[in-house]
Amino acid sequence: MKAKVTWQKELQFVGVADSGFPVRLDSHSSVETGTSPMEMVAIALAGCTAMDVISILEKKKVDVAGFEVKVNADRAVDHPKRFVRAVLEYVVHGHNVEEDSVRRAIELSTTKYCSVHAMLKDSFPIAIAYSIYEGDQLVKKGAFQH
């Protein structure tokens, strides 16, 4: 994979990788015109595992109506202000969604398939939480740590 960032002005850049899709980056020290690099890391983590989990759930014919992965990451106080811990929260909306299916899909993603999780898990602890909804009604909530 190849990627590059090109300076626009101040601390604003446009990044592009092999896919060709541009991504606006900004340090957030001035007017916000893009995503910060650390936000990109959090988005990459959520996106990578989300793609795995939804793919696994679809293959299992789970009736998913809505799905999201939230990241809550704490950063170090001093420079470099790296992530020191994070929680991934998987939120599944569907009909008759079995907890075992959701939990197994998350485990497969975080232990076998998600390359971003594999890179980051040794840098800081990543806890897992999940919620399963039937319509607007919460039917199951759980958590675990790898």
Protein backbone atom coordinates (compact mmCIF):
# COMPACT_ATOMS: atom_id res chain seq x y z
CA MET A 1 0.00 0.00 0.00
CA LYS A 2 1.13 3.51 -0.76
CA ALA A 3 -0.23 6.66 0.83
CA LYS A 4 0.69 10.33 0.92
CA VAL A 5 -0.45 13.58 2.44
CA THR A 6 -0.15 16.90 0.64
CA TRP A 7 0.03 20.17 2.52
CA GLN A 8 -2.76 22.65 1.76
CA LYS A 9 -2.15 25.48 4.26
CA GLU A 10 -1.52 25.94 7.97
CA LEU A 11 -1.79 22.42 9.45
CA GLN A 12 -4.28 21.20 6.85
CA PHE A 13 -3.46 18.31 4.50
CA VAL A 14 -5.20 16.05 2.02
CA GLY A 15 -4.31 12.38 2.27
CA VAL A 16 -4.76 9.77 -0.40
CA ALA A 17 -3.88 6.08 -0.60
CA ASP A 18 -4.17 3.42 -3.28
CA SER A 19 -7.99 3.70 -3.39
CA GLY A 20 -7.72 7.28 -4.62
CA PHE A 21 -10.27 8.65 -2.17
CA PRO A 22 -9.08 11.93 -0.63
CA VAL A 23 -9.24 12.48 3.13
CA ARG A 24 -8.98 15.96 4.64
CA LEU A 25 -6.75 16.20 7.69
CA ASP A 26 -6.40 19.05 10.18
CA SER A 27 -4.55 19.33 13.47
CA HIS A 28 -7.59 21.03 15.07
CA SER A 29 -5.30 23.74 16.37
CA SER A 30 -7.03 26.20 14.07
CA VAL A 31 -10.31 26.18 12.18
CA GLU A 32 -11.52 22.60 11.87
CA THR A 33 -11.51 21.61 8.22
CA GLY A 34 -10.72 17.94 8.47
CA THR A 35 -10.23 14.91 10.64
CA SER A 36 -7.24 14.75 12.99
CA PRO A 37 -4.78 11.88 12.56
CA MET A 38 -5.79 10.38 15.93
CA GLU A 39 -9.45 10.54 14.94
CA MET A 40 -8.47 8.67 11.78
CA VAL A 41 -6.90 5.92 13.91
CA ALA A 42 -10.11 5.58 15.95
CA ILE A 43 -12.24 5.57 12.79
CA ALA A 44 -9.93 2.98 11.18
CA LEU A 45 -10.28 0.71 14.21
CA ALA A 46 -14.08 1.03 14.27
CA GLY A 47 -14.38 0.67 10.50
CA CYS A 48 -12.17 -2.38 10.26
CA THR A 49 -13.95 -4.36 12.95
CA ALA A 50 -17.39 -3.14 11.82
CA MET A 51 -16.81 -4.50 8.32
CA ASP A 52 -15.79 -7.88 9.74
CA VAL A 53 -18.69 -8.14 12.19
CA ILE A 54 -21.43 -7.12 9.76
CA SER A 55 -20.00 -9.49 7.13
CA ILE A 56 -20.02 -12.39 9.61
CA LEU A 57 -23.54 -11.58 10.83
CA GLU A 58 -24.83 -11.40 7.25
CA LYS A 59 -23.23 -14.77 6.43
CA LYS A 60 -24.99 -16.22 9.48
CA LYS A 61 -28.26 -14.77 8.12
CA VAL A 62 -28.76 -12.63 11.25
CA ASP A 63 -31.60 -10.15 10.69
CA VAL A 64 -29.70 -6.88 11.28
CA ALA A 65 -31.61 -3.64 10.71
CA GLY A 66 -28.96 -1.26 12.03
CA PHE A 67 -25.38 -1.53 13.23
CA GLU A 68 -22.65 0.76 14.51
CA VAL A 69 -19.36 0.55 16.33
CA LYS A 70 -18.46 3.34 18.73
CA VAL A 71 -14.95 4.03 19.99
CA ASN A 72 -14.28 5.74 23.29
CA ALA A 73 -10.51 6.22 23.54
CA ASP A 74 -8.52 7.93 26.28
CA ARG A 75 -5.31 9.75 25.38
CA ALA A 76 -2.14 10.37 27.37
CA VAL A 77 -1.90 13.78 28.99
CA ASP A 78 1.68 14.38 27.87
CA HIS A 79 3.25 14.19 24.40
CA PRO A 80 3.05 12.02 22.48
CA LYS A 81 -0.65 12.00 23.29
CA ARG A 82 -1.18 8.42 22.19
CA PHE A 83 -4.20 6.30 23.05
CA VAL A 84 -3.76 4.64 26.44
CA ARG A 85 -7.02 2.65 26.51
CA ALA A 86 -10.17 2.27 24.47
CA VAL A 87 -13.61 0.69 24.54
CA LEU A 88 -15.24 -0.60 21.36
CA GLU A 89 -19.02 -0.64 21.69
CA TYR A 90 -20.94 -2.66 19.11
CA VAL A 91 -24.61 -1.68 18.81
CA VAL A 92 -26.84 -4.09 16.89
CA HIS A 93 -30.48 -3.43 16.01
CA GLY A 94 -32.42 -6.30 14.55
CA HIS A 95 -35.03 -9.01 14.90
CA ASN A 96 -34.36 -12.11 17.06
CA VAL A 97 -30.62 -11.37 17.14
CA GLU A 98 -28.88 -14.02 19.24
CA GLU A 99 -26.22 -12.84 21.67
CA ASP A 100 -23.95 -15.80 20.83
CA SER A 101 -23.89 -14.79 17.16
CA VAL A 102 -22.95 -11.21 17.96
CA ARG A 103 -20.34 -12.21 20.51
CA ARG A 104 -18.76 -14.78 18.16
CA ALA A 105 -18.64 -12.29 15.27
CA ILE A 106 -16.88 -9.75 17.53
CA GLU A 107 -14.43 -12.38 18.79
CA LEU A 108 -13.57 -13.48 15.24
CA SER A 109 -13.01 -9.89 14.18
CA THR A 110 -10.86 -8.91 17.16
CA THR A 111 -8.80 -12.10 17.33
CA LYS A 112 -8.48 -13.15 13.69
CA TYR A 113 -9.60 -10.75 10.97
CA CYS A 114 -9.27 -7.06 11.89
CA SER A 115 -5.77 -5.93 10.94
CA VAL A 116 -6.17 -2.54 12.64
CA HIS A 117 -7.14 -4.19 15.94
CA ALA A 118 -4.19 -6.57 15.58
CA MET A 119 -1.81 -3.60 15.22
CA LEU A 120 -3.25 -1.60 18.10
CA LYS A 121 -4.05 -4.24 20.74
CA ASP A 122 -0.45 -4.48 21.93
CA SER A 123 -0.17 -0.68 22.20
CA PHE A 124 -3.07 -0.16 24.59
CA PRO A 125 -5.89 -2.22 26.15
CA ILE A 126 -9.08 -2.43 24.09
CA ALA A 127 -12.21 -3.47 25.97
CA ILE A 128 -15.30 -4.76 24.19
CA ALA A 129 -18.94 -3.92 24.93
CA TYR A 130 -22.06 -4.74 22.97
CA SER A 131 -25.76 -3.93 23.03
CA ILE A 132 -28.50 -5.74 21.16
CA TYR A 133 -31.79 -4.02 20.42
CA GLU A 134 -35.12 -5.32 19.16
CA GLY A 135 -36.57 -2.14 17.68
CA ASP A 136 -35.89 0.53 20.29
CA GLN A 137 -35.90 -1.98 23.17
CA LEU A 138 -32.55 -3.05 24.66
CA VAL A 139 -32.66 -6.84 25.00
CA LYS A 140 -29.06 -7.71 25.87
CA LYS A 141 -25.92 -5.94 26.97
CA GLY A 142 -22.51 -7.48 27.55
CA ALA A 143 -18.78 -6.83 27.77
CA PHE A 144 -15.48 -8.67 27.69
CA GLN A 145 -11.75 -8.05 27.33
CA HIS A 146 -9.21 -9.86 25.19
